[in-house]
Protein backbone atom coordinates (compact mmCIF):
# COMPACT_ATOMS: atom_id res chain seq x y z
CA UNK A 1 -49.11 11.59 100.49
CA UNK A 2 -48.55 10.04 103.90
CA UNK A 3 -48.89 6.60 102.68
CA UNK A 4 -49.09 6.01 99.06
CA UNK A 5 -51.53 3.84 96.94
CA UNK A 6 -50.19 0.51 98.26
CA UNK A 7 -50.38 0.31 101.41
CA UNK A 8 -52.47 -1.61 103.51
CA UNK A 9 -54.87 1.49 105.11
CA UNK A 10 -55.57 1.81 101.19
CA UNK A 11 -56.41 -2.03 101.39
CA UNK A 12 -58.50 -1.54 103.50
CA UNK A 13 -60.82 1.47 103.09
CA UNK A 14 -60.64 -0.74 99.56
CA UNK A 15 -62.15 -3.25 101.32
CA UNK A 16 -64.85 -0.44 103.22
CA UNK A 17 -65.70 0.74 99.67
CA UNK A 18 -66.34 -2.81 97.88
CA UNK A 19 -68.67 -3.44 100.53
CA UNK A 20 -70.61 0.24 100.07
CA UNK A 21 -70.61 -1.17 96.31
CA UNK A 22 -72.28 -4.16 97.08
CA UNK A 23 -74.40 -2.98 99.50
CA UNK A 24 -75.42 -0.30 95.99
CA UNK A 25 -76.00 -3.25 94.20
CA UNK A 26 -73.07 -2.76 91.87
CA UNK A 27 -71.34 -6.09 92.31
CA UNK A 28 -69.05 -5.35 89.65
CA UNK A 29 -67.31 -2.67 91.09
CA UNK A 30 -67.23 -4.72 94.40
CA UNK A 31 -65.46 -7.11 92.91
CA UNK A 32 -63.22 -4.47 91.74
CA UNK A 33 -62.43 -2.58 94.81
CA UNK A 34 -61.69 -6.17 96.37
CA UNK A 35 -59.39 -7.80 94.13
CA UNK A 36 -56.87 -4.19 94.53
CA UNK A 37 -56.96 -5.03 98.08
CA UNK A 38 -56.39 -8.11 97.87
CA UNK A 39 -53.37 -7.16 95.25
CA UNK A 40 -52.00 -5.32 98.63
CA UNK A 41 -52.64 -7.40 101.16
CA UNK A 42 -51.39 -10.10 99.17
CA UNK A 43 -47.76 -7.95 98.58
CA UNK A 44 -47.67 -6.32 101.75
CA UNK A 45 -48.75 -9.54 103.92
CA UNK A 46 -47.23 -12.89 102.03
CA UNK A 47 -50.24 -15.08 100.20
CA UNK A 48 -50.96 -17.18 103.70
CA UNK A 49 -52.25 -14.65 105.59
CA UNK A 50 -55.28 -14.50 107.70
CA UNK A 51 -55.84 -10.95 106.57
CA UNK A 52 -55.30 -11.80 102.88
CA UNK A 53 -58.06 -14.82 104.11
CA UNK A 54 -60.46 -12.52 105.14
CA UNK A 55 -60.33 -10.53 101.44
CA UNK A 56 -60.41 -13.55 99.91
CA UNK A 57 -64.06 -14.14 101.95
CA UNK A 58 -65.40 -10.76 101.13
CA UNK A 59 -64.29 -11.18 97.42
CA UNK A 60 -65.75 -14.89 96.76
CA UNK A 61 -69.42 -13.77 97.65
CA UNK A 62 -68.57 -10.59 95.61
CA UNK A 63 -67.94 -14.12 92.48
CA UNK A 64 -71.17 -15.42 94.20
CA UNK A 65 -73.51 -12.79 93.52
CA UNK A 66 -72.33 -12.00 90.42
CA UNK A 67 -72.34 -15.99 89.49
CA UNK A 68 -68.88 -17.27 89.39
CA UNK A 69 -69.37 -19.66 91.60
CA UNK A 70 -66.83 -21.79 90.57
CA UNK A 71 -64.12 -18.79 91.97
CA UNK A 72 -65.73 -17.83 94.69
CA UNK A 73 -65.43 -21.79 95.85
CA UNK A 74 -61.93 -21.10 94.83
CA UNK A 75 -61.61 -18.28 96.95
CA UNK A 76 -63.38 -19.05 100.07
CA UNK A 77 -61.45 -22.89 99.91
CA UNK A 78 -58.02 -20.53 99.32
CA UNK A 79 -59.13 -18.43 102.48
CA UNK A 80 -59.95 -22.13 104.29
CA UNK A 81 -56.67 -23.77 103.85
CA UNK A 82 -54.62 -20.43 105.23
CA UNK A 83 -57.67 -20.01 108.21
CA UNK A 84 -57.10 -24.17 108.71
CA UNK A 85 -53.06 -23.20 108.31
CA UNK A 86 -52.88 -20.43 111.01
CA UNK A 87 -55.30 -21.56 113.35
CA UNK A 88 -55.80 -25.56 113.15
CA UNK A 89 -59.45 -27.66 111.72
CA UNK A 90 -61.04 -27.67 114.64
């Protein structure tokens, strides 16, 4: 084992796998993979890192296609707040 199950490389693979599930129409599996990736990234980078924001955007989209629009909004608003702190509002 070069990395272990909580390494950021694993998170990246989980994101890619989640995307593949989304393309196949298995949005619940997509959400599950992206939630696992988010947990790894939050531990590795902290809750306010831009890598986390990117994952939050993707996860929010997965919630949206599953019909959980409130959760989608929450994820995407959190992502926006992270990015505005990192890059500014304009």
